């Protein structure tokens, strides 16, 4: 929804562990939504991994490139800076096919249904 409403960079404040699948998902979200994504996480054993990903996954010749801008380790405490090239991102978004090019937004109504079904019902959910 953020991308559909015009977001170019999404900031994700975080405070949790088991980061490997989470940072992989953030890289994927940047790619498929054609937005920059930056996540800040508290450092610690099995935590940390503050990161930033560009949506740009191919260079001008169609060669796949690593979209990682910043990826901290789990224990290092500090400030990490991500430099997003907004001109390059806007150019990339104007010619590539991900983002909202083939989205069927009308099909999202079911996603907004707040009912919870097994096996995902948890104590305290209504």
Protein backbone atom coordinates (compact mmCIF):
# COMPACT_ATOMS: atom_id res chain seq x y z
CA UNK A 1 0.00 0.00 0.00
CA UNK A 2 2.85 2.41 0.75
CA UNK A 3 4.28 1.93 -2.74
CA UNK A 4 0.86 2.28 -4.33
CA UNK A 5 0.45 5.61 -2.50
CA UNK A 6 3.79 6.89 -3.82
CA UNK A 7 6.39 5.85 -1.25
CA UNK A 8 9.92 5.76 -2.60
CA UNK A 9 11.73 4.76 0.62
CA UNK A 10 10.19 2.73 3.45
CA UNK A 11 11.75 2.97 6.91
CA UNK A 12 11.32 -0.02 9.23
CA UNK A 13 12.01 0.46 12.95
CA UNK A 14 12.61 -2.95 14.51
CA UNK A 15 13.56 -4.66 17.75
CA UNK A 16 13.75 -8.42 17.35
CA UNK A 17 16.07 -11.35 16.77
CA UNK A 18 16.39 -14.16 14.24
CA UNK A 19 17.19 -11.68 11.52
CA UNK A 20 18.35 -13.74 8.53
CA UNK A 21 14.88 -14.50 7.10
CA UNK A 22 13.70 -11.00 7.98
CA UNK A 23 16.49 -9.22 6.09
CA UNK A 24 16.02 -11.53 3.11
CA UNK A 25 12.35 -10.55 3.09
CA UNK A 26 13.24 -6.84 3.20
CA UNK A 27 15.50 -7.23 0.17
CA UNK A 28 12.67 -8.99 -1.64
CA UNK A 29 10.14 -6.29 -0.66
CA UNK A 30 12.47 -3.61 -2.05
CA UNK A 31 12.75 -5.52 -5.34
CA UNK A 32 9.11 -6.44 -5.84
CA UNK A 33 7.70 -3.06 -4.78
CA UNK A 34 10.47 -1.01 -6.41
CA UNK A 35 11.06 1.03 -3.26
CA UNK A 36 14.11 1.57 -1.11
CA UNK A 37 13.87 -0.15 2.27
CA UNK A 38 15.89 0.70 5.38
CA UNK A 39 15.58 -1.18 8.68
CA UNK A 40 17.11 -0.21 12.02
CA UNK A 41 17.38 -2.91 14.68
CA UNK A 42 18.91 -3.03 18.14
CA UNK A 43 22.24 -4.86 18.14
CA UNK A 44 22.73 -8.10 20.07
CA UNK A 45 23.34 -11.81 19.74
CA UNK A 46 21.05 -13.11 16.96
CA UNK A 47 19.68 -9.57 16.43
CA UNK A 48 21.16 -6.42 14.88
CA UNK A 49 21.62 -6.59 11.11
CA UNK A 50 20.40 -3.05 10.45
CA UNK A 51 20.18 -2.84 6.67
CA UNK A 52 19.16 -0.89 3.60
CA UNK A 53 18.21 -2.21 0.18
CA UNK A 54 17.79 -0.49 -3.15
CA UNK A 55 15.01 -1.56 -5.49
CA UNK A 56 17.58 -1.62 -8.31
CA UNK A 57 18.38 -5.25 -9.08
CA UNK A 58 19.64 -4.90 -12.68
CA UNK A 59 22.13 -2.53 -14.20
CA UNK A 60 21.52 -0.67 -17.45
CA UNK A 61 22.76 -3.71 -19.40
CA UNK A 62 20.31 -6.08 -17.72
CA UNK A 63 22.98 -7.67 -15.52
CA UNK A 64 21.77 -8.65 -12.03
CA UNK A 65 23.32 -6.56 -9.26
CA UNK A 66 23.31 -6.90 -5.47
CA UNK A 67 20.72 -4.46 -4.11
CA UNK A 68 22.32 -4.30 -0.64
CA UNK A 69 23.32 -0.76 0.35
CA UNK A 70 24.06 -1.44 4.03
CA UNK A 71 24.08 -4.65 6.07
CA UNK A 72 25.44 -4.43 9.60
CA UNK A 73 26.39 -7.49 11.60
CA UNK A 74 24.42 -8.56 14.66
CA UNK A 75 26.68 -7.17 17.40
CA UNK A 76 28.11 -3.88 16.12
CA UNK A 77 26.54 -0.83 17.73
CA UNK A 78 26.59 2.39 15.76
CA UNK A 79 25.03 4.67 13.21
CA UNK A 80 24.82 3.27 9.71
CA UNK A 81 24.19 5.52 6.74
CA UNK A 82 22.43 4.45 3.57
CA UNK A 83 22.83 6.60 0.48
CA UNK A 84 19.87 6.07 -1.86
CA UNK A 85 20.40 7.48 -5.35
CA UNK A 86 16.89 8.85 -5.85
CA UNK A 87 17.50 9.89 -9.47
CA UNK A 88 18.63 6.35 -10.33
CA UNK A 89 15.70 4.83 -8.42
CA UNK A 90 13.18 7.04 -10.21
CA UNK A 91 14.69 6.22 -13.59
CA UNK A 92 14.68 2.49 -12.76
CA UNK A 93 11.07 2.64 -11.58
CA UNK A 94 10.02 4.35 -14.82
CA UNK A 95 11.27 1.50 -17.01
CA UNK A 96 11.17 -1.74 -15.03
CA UNK A 97 8.13 -3.99 -14.67
CA UNK A 98 7.76 -4.60 -10.93
CA UNK A 99 6.06 -2.12 -8.59
CA UNK A 100 2.46 -1.54 -9.60
CA UNK A 101 2.80 -2.37 -13.31
CA UNK A 102 0.75 -5.57 -13.14
CA UNK A 103 -0.94 -5.18 -9.74
CA UNK A 104 -4.63 -6.04 -9.56
CA UNK A 105 -5.44 -3.69 -6.71
CA UNK A 106 -9.14 -4.62 -6.81
CA UNK A 107 -8.14 -8.12 -5.69
CA UNK A 108 -6.74 -6.72 -2.42
CA UNK A 109 -10.14 -6.34 -0.74
CA UNK A 110 -9.86 -9.86 0.70
CA UNK A 111 -6.50 -8.96 2.19
CA UNK A 112 -8.17 -6.25 4.24
CA UNK A 113 -10.56 -8.72 5.90
CA UNK A 114 -9.62 -8.77 9.60
CA UNK A 115 -10.88 -12.29 10.34
CA UNK A 116 -8.26 -14.75 11.57
CA UNK A 117 -8.43 -18.44 10.64
CA UNK A 118 -6.72 -21.56 11.93
CA UNK A 119 -3.88 -22.32 12.27
CA UNK A 120 -3.10 -18.65 13.03
CA UNK A 121 -5.58 -17.97 15.84
CA UNK A 122 -3.70 -16.89 18.99
CA UNK A 123 -4.89 -16.33 22.55
CA UNK A 124 -6.28 -12.81 22.89
CA UNK A 125 -7.15 -12.34 19.21
CA UNK A 126 -10.74 -11.63 18.34
